[in-house]
C-alpha atoms as a PDB file:
ATOM      1  CA  MET A   1       6.397 -56.553 -45.105  1.00  0.00           C
ATOM      2  CA  ALA A   2       2.828 -55.668 -46.149  1.00  0.00           C
ATOM      3  CA  LYS A   3       1.547 -56.287 -42.624  1.00  0.00           C
ATOM      4  CA  LYS A   4       4.252 -54.045 -41.159  1.00  0.00           C
ATOM      5  CA  ASN A   5       3.352 -51.197 -43.550  1.00  0.00           C
ATOM      6  CA  GLU A   6      -0.342 -51.716 -42.779  1.00  0.00           C
ATOM      7  CA  SER A   7       0.368 -51.542 -39.046  1.00  0.00           C
ATOM      8  CA  LEU A   8       2.384 -48.341 -39.453  1.00  0.00           C
ATOM      9  CA  GLY A   9      -0.364 -46.772 -41.549  1.00  0.00           C
ATOM     10  CA  LYS A  10      -2.991 -47.579 -38.938  1.00  0.00           C
ATOM     11  CA  THR A  11      -0.812 -46.133 -36.206  1.00  0.00           C
ATOM     12  CA  LEU A  12      -0.313 -42.896 -38.133  1.00  0.00           C
ATOM     13  CA  PHE A  13      -4.050 -42.711 -38.873  1.00  0.00           C
ATOM     14  CA  VAL A  14      -4.918 -43.078 -35.191  1.00  0.00           C
ATOM     15  CA  VAL A  15      -2.350 -40.429 -34.193  1.00  0.00           C
ATOM     16  CA  VAL A  16      -3.610 -37.936 -36.783  1.00  0.00           C
ATOM     17  CA  ALA A  17      -7.229 -38.627 -35.862  1.00  0.00           C
ATOM     18  CA  LEU A  18      -6.515 -38.080 -32.179  1.00  0.00           C
ATOM     19  CA  CYS A  19      -4.704 -34.815 -32.939  1.00  0.00           C
ATOM     20  CA  LEU A  20      -7.647 -33.573 -34.980  1.00  0.00           C
ATOM     21  CA  VAL A  21     -10.142 -34.508 -32.290  1.00  0.00           C
ATOM     22  CA  CYS A  22      -8.058 -32.807 -29.596  1.00  0.00           C
ATOM     23  CA  ALA A  23      -7.654 -29.696 -31.749  1.00  0.00           C
ATOM     24  CA  ILE A  24     -11.416 -29.509 -32.297  1.00  0.00           C
ATOM     25  CA  ILE A  25     -12.087 -29.911 -28.577  1.00  0.00           C
ATOM     26  CA  VAL A  26      -9.534 -27.244 -27.614  1.00  0.00           C
ATOM     27  CA  SER A  27     -10.798 -24.817 -30.261  1.00  0.00           C
ATOM     28  CA  GLY A  28     -14.386 -25.384 -29.220  1.00  0.00           C
ATOM     29  CA  ALA A  29     -13.520 -24.818 -25.570  1.00  0.00           C
ATOM     30  CA  ALA A  30     -11.661 -21.607 -26.414  1.00  0.00           C
ATOM     31  CA  VAL A  31     -14.603 -20.257 -28.397  1.00  0.00           C
ATOM     32  CA  GLY A  32     -17.104 -21.350 -25.777  1.00  0.00           C
ATOM     33  CA  LEU A  33     -15.140 -19.845 -22.897  1.00  0.00           C
ATOM     34  CA  LYS A  34     -14.353 -16.543 -24.639  1.00  0.00           C
ATOM     35  CA  PRO A  35     -17.508 -14.714 -23.446  1.00  0.00           C
ATOM     36  CA  MET A  36     -16.792 -15.808 -19.877  1.00  0.00           C
ATOM     37  CA  GLN A  37     -13.165 -14.690 -20.160  1.00  0.00           C
ATOM     38  CA  GLN A  38     -14.243 -11.297 -21.507  1.00  0.00           C
ATOM     39  CA  LYS A  39     -16.756 -10.930 -18.687  1.00  0.00           C
ATOM     40  CA  ASN A  40     -14.121 -11.775 -16.071  1.00  0.00           C
ATOM     41  CA  ALA A  41     -11.643  -9.332 -17.652  1.00  0.00           C
ATOM     42  CA  ALA A  42     -14.255  -6.556 -17.568  1.00  0.00           C
ATOM     43  CA  LEU A  43     -15.062  -7.325 -13.930  1.00  0.00           C
ATOM     44  CA  ASP A  44     -11.372  -7.295 -13.043  1.00  0.00           C
ATOM     45  CA  MET A  45     -10.914  -3.873 -14.665  1.00  0.00           C
ATOM     46  CA  GLN A  46     -13.960  -2.505 -12.844  1.00  0.00           C
ATOM     47  CA  ARG A  47     -12.401  -3.718  -9.603  1.00  0.00           C
ATOM     48  CA  ASN A  48      -9.115  -2.020 -10.527  1.00  0.00           C
ATOM     49  CA  VAL A  49     -10.871   1.268 -11.270  1.00  0.00           C
ATOM     50  CA  LEU A  50     -12.724   1.236  -7.949  1.00  0.00           C
ATOM     51  CA  ASP A  51      -9.492   0.365  -6.158  1.00  0.00           C
ATOM     52  CA  ALA A  52      -7.654   3.236  -7.841  1.00  0.00           C
ATOM     53  CA  ALA A  53     -10.486   5.568  -6.839  1.00  0.00           C
ATOM     54  CA  GLY A  54     -10.308   4.433  -3.214  1.00  0.00           C
ATOM     55  CA  LEU A  55     -13.825   2.970  -3.329  1.00  0.00           C
ATOM     56  CA  LEU A  56     -13.054  -0.740  -3.109  1.00  0.00           C
ATOM     57  CA  GLU A  57     -13.847  -2.556   0.133  1.00  0.00           C
ATOM     58  CA  PRO A  58     -13.782  -6.325   0.857  1.00  0.00           C
ATOM     59  CA  SER A  59     -17.587  -6.427   0.867  1.00  0.00           C
ATOM     60  CA  THR A  60     -18.034  -4.257  -2.235  1.00  0.00           C
ATOM     61  CA  ASP A  61     -20.473  -5.412  -4.904  1.00  0.00           C
ATOM     62  CA  VAL A  62     -18.135  -4.403  -7.710  1.00  0.00           C
ATOM     63  CA  VAL A  63     -20.637  -4.411 -10.584  1.00  0.00           C
ATOM     64  CA  ALA A  64     -23.360  -2.582  -8.656  1.00  0.00           C
ATOM     65  CA  LEU A  65     -21.027   0.114  -7.292  1.00  0.00           C
ATOM     66  CA  PHE A  66     -19.289   0.606 -10.641  1.00  0.00           C
ATOM     67  CA  ASN A  67     -22.587   1.026 -12.480  1.00  0.00           C
ATOM     68  CA  GLU A  68     -23.871   3.402  -9.808  1.00  0.00           C
ATOM     69  CA  ARG A  69     -20.828   5.656  -9.430  1.00  0.00           C
ATOM     70  CA  VAL A  70     -18.657   5.431 -12.533  1.00  0.00           C
ATOM     71  CA  GLU A  71     -19.272   7.000 -15.927  1.00  0.00           C
ATOM     72  CA  THR A  72     -16.960   5.728 -18.650  1.00  0.00           C
ATOM     73  CA  LYS A  73     -16.126   7.986 -21.578  1.00  0.00           C
ATOM     74  CA  LEU A  74     -13.979   7.800 -24.681  1.00  0.00           C
ATOM     75  CA  ILE A  75     -11.875  10.854 -25.511  1.00  0.00           C
ATOM     76  CA  ASN A  76      -9.736  11.510 -28.560  1.00  0.00           C
ATOM     77  CA  LEU A  77      -6.362  12.688 -27.256  1.00  0.00           C
ATOM     78  CA  ASP A  78      -5.624  14.610 -30.461  1.00  0.00           C
ATOM     79  CA  THR A  79      -8.894  16.525 -30.831  1.00  0.00           C
ATOM     80  CA  LEU A  80      -9.797  16.448 -27.104  1.00  0.00           C
ATOM     81  CA  GLU A  81     -13.367  15.588 -28.061  1.00  0.00           C
ATOM     82  CA  LEU A  82     -15.715  12.979 -26.641  1.00  0.00           C
ATOM     83  CA  VAL A  83     -16.487  10.146 -29.051  1.00  0.00           C
ATOM     84  CA  GLU A  84     -19.316   7.625 -28.884  1.00  0.00           C
ATOM     85  CA  GLN A  85     -17.257   4.829 -30.389  1.00  0.00           C
ATOM     86  CA  ALA A  86     -13.642   4.077 -31.193  1.00  0.00           C
ATOM     87  CA  ASN A  87     -12.794   1.573 -33.893  1.00  0.00           C
ATOM     88  CA  GLY A  88     -16.338   0.229 -33.773  1.00  0.00           C
ATOM     89  CA  GLN A  89     -16.298  -0.272 -29.996  1.00  0.00           C
ATOM     90  CA  ASN A  90     -18.262   1.608 -27.360  1.00  0.00           C
ATOM     91  CA  ALA A  91     -16.911   2.849 -24.050  1.00  0.00           C
ATOM     92  CA  THR A  92     -17.700  -0.434 -22.308  1.00  0.00           C
ATOM     93  CA  ASN A  93     -15.875  -2.687 -24.756  1.00  0.00           C
ATOM     94  CA  TYR A  94     -13.022  -0.453 -25.877  1.00  0.00           C
ATOM     95  CA  ASP A  95      -9.526  -1.369 -24.666  1.00  0.00           C
ATOM     96  CA  PRO A  96      -7.036   1.523 -24.967  1.00  0.00           C
ATOM     97  CA  ILE A  97      -4.072  -0.757 -24.292  1.00  0.00           C
ATOM     98  CA  ALA A  98      -5.017  -3.033 -27.186  1.00  0.00           C
ATOM     99  CA  ALA A  99      -5.575   0.028 -29.390  1.00  0.00           C
ATOM    100  CA  ALA A 100      -2.065   1.277 -28.633  1.00  0.00           C
ATOM    101  CA  ASN A 101      -0.676  -1.903 -30.194  1.00  0.00           C
ATOM    102  CA  LYS A 102      -2.454  -1.344 -33.531  1.00  0.00           C
ATOM    103  CA  PRO A 103      -0.783   1.084 -35.971  1.00  0.00           C
ATOM    104  CA  ASP A 104      -4.073   2.429 -37.347  1.00  0.00           C
ATOM    105  CA  TRP A 105      -5.423   3.181 -33.871  1.00  0.00           C
ATOM    106  CA  SER A 106      -2.335   4.712 -32.317  1.00  0.00           C
ATOM    107  CA  THR A 107       0.446   7.255 -32.740  1.00  0.00           C
ATOM    108  CA  LYS A 108       4.095   6.255 -32.884  1.00  0.00           C
ATOM    109  CA  LEU A 109       6.111   8.323 -30.427  1.00  0.00           C
ATOM    110  CA  GLU A 110       9.408   9.926 -31.235  1.00  0.00           C
ATOM    111  CA  LYS A 111      12.183   8.559 -29.053  1.00  0.00           C
ATOM    112  CA  SER A 112      12.914  12.030 -27.706  1.00  0.00           C
ATOM    113  CA  GLU A 113       9.378  12.394 -26.336  1.00  0.00           C
ATOM    114  CA  ASP A 114       8.778   8.794 -25.268  1.00  0.00           C
ATOM    115  CA  LYS A 115       9.807   9.286 -21.660  1.00  0.00           C
ATOM    116  CA  ALA A 116       7.744   6.284 -20.537  1.00  0.00           C
ATOM    117  CA  GLY A 117       9.253   3.908 -23.099  1.00  0.00           C
ATOM    118  CA  ILE A 118       5.891   2.768 -24.471  1.00  0.00           C
ATOM    119  CA  GLY A 119       6.588   3.189 -28.193  1.00  0.00           C
ATOM    120  CA  THR A 120       3.043   4.104 -29.207  1.00  0.00           C
ATOM    121  CA  ARG A 121       0.153   6.008 -27.637  1.00  0.00           C
ATOM    122  CA  GLU A 122      -3.490   5.202 -28.323  1.00  0.00           C
ATOM    123  CA  ASP A 123      -5.361   7.913 -30.245  1.00  0.00           C
ATOM    124  CA  VAL A 124      -8.505   7.427 -28.151  1.00  0.00           C
ATOM    125  CA  THR A 125      -8.310   6.816 -24.428  1.00  0.00           C
ATOM    126  CA  LYS A 126     -10.856   5.676 -21.872  1.00  0.00           C
ATOM    127  CA  VAL A 127     -11.527   7.945 -18.898  1.00  0.00           C
ATOM    128  CA  TYR A 128     -13.538   7.145 -15.784  1.00  0.00           C
ATOM    129  CA  PHE A 129     -15.556  10.007 -14.248  1.00  0.00           C
ATOM    130  CA  ILE A 130     -16.846   9.534 -10.703  1.00  0.00           C
ATOM    131  CA  ASN A 131     -19.336  12.169  -9.583  1.00  0.00           C
ATOM    132  CA  ASN A 132     -20.781  13.081  -6.199  1.00  0.00           C
ATOM    133  CA  ASP A 133     -24.492  13.213  -5.372  1.00  0.00           C
ATOM    134  CA  GLN A 134     -24.715  16.719  -6.850  1.00  0.00           C
ATOM    135  CA  GLY A 135     -23.334  15.511 -10.180  1.00  0.00           C
ATOM    136  CA  GLU A 136     -20.021  17.268  -9.666  1.00  0.00           C
ATOM    137  CA  LEU A 137     -16.708  15.620 -10.433  1.00  0.00           C
ATOM    138  CA  GLU A 138     -15.321  13.850  -7.391  1.00  0.00           C
ATOM    139  CA  THR A 139     -12.625  11.635  -8.912  1.00  0.00           C
ATOM    140  CA  LEU A 140     -11.083  11.200 -12.340  1.00  0.00           C
ATOM    141  CA  VAL A 141      -9.382   7.888 -13.130  1.00  0.00           C
ATOM    142  CA  LEU A 142      -6.847   7.626 -15.950  1.00  0.00           C
ATOM    143  CA  TYR A 143      -4.777   4.847 -17.507  1.00  0.00           C
ATOM    144  CA  ILE A 144      -1.011   5.092 -17.118  1.00  0.00           C
ATOM    145  CA  ARG A 145       1.800   2.788 -18.191  1.00  0.00           C
ATOM    146  CA  GLY A 146       5.545   2.800 -18.676  1.00  0.00           C
ATOM    147  CA  TYR A 147       8.593   0.572 -18.867  1.00  0.00           C
ATOM    148  CA  GLY A 148      10.214  -0.570 -15.635  1.00  0.00           C
ATOM    149  CA  LEU A 149      13.085  -3.031 -15.187  1.00  0.00           C
ATOM    150  CA  TRP A 150      11.661  -6.092 -16.941  1.00  0.00           C
ATOM    151  CA  GLY A 151       8.658  -4.838 -18.849  1.00  0.00           C
ATOM    152  CA  THR A 152       5.733  -2.461 -19.012  1.00  0.00           C
ATOM    153  CA  MET A 153       3.960  -1.496 -15.793  1.00  0.00           C
ATOM    154  CA  TYR A 154       0.226  -0.943 -16.250  1.00  0.00           C
ATOM    155  CA  GLY A 155      -1.732   1.179 -13.836  1.00  0.00           C
ATOM    156  CA  LEU A 156      -4.623   3.500 -13.077  1.00  0.00           C
ATOM    157  CA  ILE A 157      -4.254   6.806 -11.272  1.00  0.00           C
ATOM    158  CA  SER A 158      -7.064   8.785  -9.670  1.00  0.00           C
ATOM    159  CA  LEU A 159      -7.158  12.548  -9.231  1.00  0.00           C
ATOM    160  CA  GLN A 160      -9.162  14.802  -6.973  1.00  0.00           C
ATOM    161  CA  PRO A 161     -11.448  17.483  -8.515  1.00  0.00           C
ATOM    162  CA  ASP A 162      -8.562  19.941  -8.981  1.00  0.00           C
ATOM    163  CA  LEU A 163      -7.111  17.383 -11.442  1.00  0.00           C
ATOM    164  CA  ASN A 164      -3.740  17.865  -9.825  1.00  0.00           C
ATOM    165  CA  THR A 165      -3.902  16.152  -6.447  1.00  0.00           C
ATOM    166  CA  VAL A 166      -3.546  12.368  -6.458  1.00  0.00           C
ATOM    167  CA  ARG A 167      -6.193  10.359  -4.682  1.00  0.00           C
ATOM    168  CA  SER A 168      -4.569   6.965  -5.237  1.00  0.00           C
ATOM    169  CA  VAL A 169      -2.808   4.731  -7.753  1.00  0.00           C
ATOM    170  CA  ASN A 170      -3.142   1.076  -8.687  1.00  0.00           C
ATOM    171  CA  PHE A 171      -0.462  -0.754 -10.662  1.00  0.00           C
ATOM    172  CA  TYR A 172      -2.570  -3.742 -11.606  1.00  0.00           C
ATOM    173  CA  GLU A 173      -0.135  -5.547 -13.926  1.00  0.00           C
ATOM    174  CA  HIS A 174       3.653  -5.688 -14.114  1.00  0.00           C
ATOM    175  CA  SER A 175       6.644  -8.025 -14.366  1.00  0.00           C
ATOM    176  CA  GLU A 176       8.897  -6.352 -11.799  1.00  0.00           C
ATOM    177  CA  THR A 177      10.961  -8.354  -9.300  1.00  0.00           C
ATOM    178  CA  PRO A 178       8.939  -9.588  -6.298  1.00  0.00           C
ATOM    179  CA  GLY A 179      10.068  -7.906  -3.097  1.00  0.00           C
ATOM    180  CA  LEU A 180      11.867  -5.151  -5.013  1.00  0.00           C
ATOM    181  CA  GLY A 181      10.199  -3.462  -7.988  1.00  0.00           C
ATOM    182  CA  GLY A 182       7.117  -5.531  -7.289  1.00  0.00           C
ATOM    183  CA  GLU A 183       6.564  -3.325  -4.244  1.00  0.00           C
ATOM    184  CA  ILE A 184       4.726  -0.882  -6.521  1.00  0.00           C
ATOM    185  CA  GLN A 185       1.689  -2.898  -5.390  1.00  0.00           C
ATOM    186  CA  ASN A 186       2.548  -2.659  -1.700  1.00  0.00           C
ATOM    187  CA  PRO A 187      -0.287  -0.759   0.055  1.00  0.00           C
ATOM    188  CA  LYS A 188       2.233   1.073   2.267  1.00  0.00           C
ATOM    189  CA  TRP A 189       4.078   2.433  -0.753  1.00  0.00           C
ATOM    190  CA  VAL A 190       0.866   3.214  -2.631  1.00  0.00           C
ATOM    191  CA  ALA A 191      -0.402   5.151   0.409  1.00  0.00           C
ATOM    192  CA  GLN A 192       2.395   7.694  -0.105  1.00  0.00           C
ATOM    193  CA  TRP A 193       0.721   8.894  -3.292  1.00  0.00           C
ATOM    194  CA  SER A 194      -2.412  10.172  -1.587  1.00  0.00           C
ATOM    195  CA  GLY A 195      -2.421  13.967  -1.480  1.00  0.00           C
ATOM    196  CA  LYS A 196       0.655  14.408  -3.678  1.00  0.00           C
ATOM    197  CA  GLU A 197       0.419  17.020  -6.431  1.00  0.00           C
ATOM    198  CA  ILE A 198       1.408  16.297 -10.016  1.00  0.00           C
ATOM    199  CA  TYR A 199       1.967  19.876 -11.149  1.00  0.00           C
ATOM    200  CA  GLY A 200       3.421  23.042  -9.723  1.00  0.00           C
ATOM    201  CA  ASP A 201       1.364  26.159  -9.065  1.00  0.00           C
ATOM    202  CA  SER A 202       0.744  26.851 -12.759  1.00  0.00           C
ATOM    203  CA  ASN A 203      -0.624  23.360 -13.565  1.00  0.00           C
ATOM    204  CA  GLU A 204       1.861  23.213 -16.440  1.00  0.00           C
ATOM    205  CA  GLN A 205       5.148  21.772 -15.231  1.00  0.00           C
ATOM    206  CA  VAL A 206       5.173  18.232 -13.799  1.00  0.00           C
ATOM    207  CA  GLU A 207       6.730  18.462 -10.341  1.00  0.00           C
ATOM    208  CA  PHE A 208       5.888  14.954  -9.119  1.00  0.00           C
ATOM    209  CA  ASP A 209       9.010  12.924  -8.428  1.00  0.00           C
ATOM    210  CA  VAL A 210       9.895   9.410  -7.237  1.00  0.00           C
ATOM    211  CA  MET A 211      13.221   9.768  -5.466  1.00  0.00           C
ATOM    212  CA  LYS A 212      15.304   8.697  -2.509  1.00  0.00           C
ATOM    213  CA  ASN A 213      15.098  11.096   0.421  1.00  0.00           C
ATOM    214  CA  PRO A 214      12.216  13.210  -0.938  1.00  0.00           C
ATOM    215  CA  THR A 215      12.702  16.966  -0.705  1.00  0.00           C
ATOM    216  CA  GLN A 216       9.289  18.331  -1.734  1.00  0.00           C
ATOM    217  CA  GLU A 217       6.555  17.265   0.663  1.00  0.00           C
ATOM    218  CA  ASN A 218       3.733  18.090  -1.748  1.00  0.00           C
ATOM    219  CA  HIS A 219       5.208  16.372  -4.800  1.00  0.00           C
ATOM    220  CA  ASP A 220       7.666  13.599  -3.908  1.00  0.00           C
ATOM    221  CA  VAL A 221       7.213   9.878  -3.259  1.00  0.00           C
ATOM    222  CA  ASP A 222      10.013   7.855  -1.702  1.00  0.00           C
ATOM    223  CA  ALA A 223      11.738   5.550  -4.203  1.00  0.00           C
ATOM    224  CA  LEU A 224      11.533   1.792  -3.773  1.00  0.00           C
ATOM    225  CA  SER A 225      14.498   0.372  -1.895  1.00  0.00           C
ATOM    226  CA  GLY A 226      16.765  -1.692  -4.156  1.00  0.00           C
ATOM    227  CA  ALA A 227      14.630  -0.990  -7.231  1.00  0.00           C
ATOM    228  CA  THR A 228      16.158   2.051  -8.875  1.00  0.00           C
ATOM    229  CA  LEU A 229      15.093   1.211 -12.437  1.00  0.00           C
ATOM    230  CA  THR A 230      11.522   0.488 -11.400  1.00  0.00           C
ATOM    231  CA  SER A 231      11.366   3.734  -9.430  1.00  0.00           C
ATOM    232  CA  ASN A 232      12.782   5.633 -12.396  1.00  0.00           C
ATOM    233  CA  GLY A 233      10.228   3.958 -14.628  1.00  0.00           C
ATOM    234  CA  VAL A 234       7.357   5.099 -12.421  1.00  0.00           C
ATOM    235  CA  ASP A 235       8.768   8.609 -12.313  1.00  0.00           C
ATOM    236  CA  ASN A 236       9.135   8.654 -16.101  1.00  0.00           C
ATOM    237  CA  LEU A 237       5.641   7.390 -16.792  1.00  0.00           C
ATOM    238  CA  VAL A 238       4.060  10.063 -14.604  1.00  0.00           C
ATOM    239  CA  GLU A 239       6.142  12.726 -16.324  1.00  0.00           C
ATOM    240  CA  TYR A 240       5.051  11.493 -19.745  1.00  0.00           C
ATOM    241  CA  TRP A 241       1.348  10.933 -19.146  1.00  0.00           C
ATOM    242  CA  PHE A 242       0.853  14.308 -17.481  1.00  0.00           C
ATOM    243  CA  SER A 243       2.848  16.196 -20.095  1.00  0.00           C
ATOM    244  CA  ASP A 244       1.414  18.120 -23.041  1.00  0.00           C
ATOM    245  CA  LYS A 245       2.072  15.004 -25.172  1.00  0.00           C
ATOM    246  CA  ALA A 246      -0.591  13.004 -23.342  1.00  0.00           C
ATOM    247  CA  TYR A 247      -3.106  14.063 -20.660  1.00  0.00           C
ATOM    248  CA  GLY A 248      -1.922  17.629 -20.023  1.00  0.00           C
ATOM    249  CA  PRO A 249      -4.174  19.368 -22.583  1.00  0.00           C
ATOM    250  CA  LEU A 250      -7.125  17.137 -21.701  1.00  0.00           C
ATOM    251  CA  LEU A 251      -6.924  17.949 -17.997  1.00  0.00           C
ATOM    252  CA  GLU A 252      -6.713  21.659 -18.773  1.00  0.00           C
ATOM    253  CA  LYS A 253      -9.836  21.435 -20.923  1.00  0.00           C
ATOM    254  CA  ILE A 254     -11.747  19.664 -18.153  1.00  0.00           C
ATOM    255  CA  ARG A 255     -10.588  22.270 -15.613  1.00  0.00           C
ATOM    256  CA  LYS A 256     -11.995  25.020 -17.795  1.00  0.00           C
ATOM    257  CA  GLY A 257     -15.326  23.242 -18.012  1.00  0.00           C
ATOM    258  CA  GLU A 258     -14.995  22.828 -21.760  1.00  0.00           C
ATOM    259  CA  LEU A 259     -15.489  19.064 -21.598  1.00  0.00           C
ATOM    260  CA  SER A 260     -18.531  18.077 -19.593  1.00  0.00           C
ATOM    261  CA  ASN A 261     -18.429  15.195 -17.151  1.00  0.00           C
ATOM    262  CA  GLY A 262     -22.190  15.113 -16.749  1.00  0.00           C
END
């Protein structure tokens, strides 16, 4: 009996020891790889920004072009002021999506105003200014997101200097159905956005619409076939983010030249 107990004890010791060793190895690998993962995530976002701005080509040196053309700024959506840091992070490191998930760094939205179905909105957002050779604003790139059929759709939208006309859009992350709602990443569908206007003549009312059989040439994008809820989700997120609850006041301030992009 003693030998059996001794054998069982040794077996348990070996199992526990192996588990501890494996845990240490996995933890060490996670810590060691974290800087590389952060670097890759930053590079991926730079690529997404350039794509949304219509600047990405197969041969593009992403880092070089981003550093040359793009100026990243942090803006408080409540005060409409530029800030150097948000929650201890500078413009390079700050993640507005992560901030939106932290109660102290975000604002809970009332259900009646949460058209996009996002629950909370970050207090400080990240905005990408792309200037021409004369230092004048050429493209403004903004974060957008909203709930589709299966989950939140994350994207970037770029605007021309009038801050009304769309240059392009890039939905870089989503969980929509491939071949249906997943077509929000289809270049042919994305191409429809170019030249569409978000607002009406007064730059106050959102006129942009995702709908079947578009009626307004300047404002409408054709809905995705067989993906009504995804199409509605895209329509809702544009309506929210360009309303006076989100980017509306900020865009008006930039139009008036009261927030410098230089």
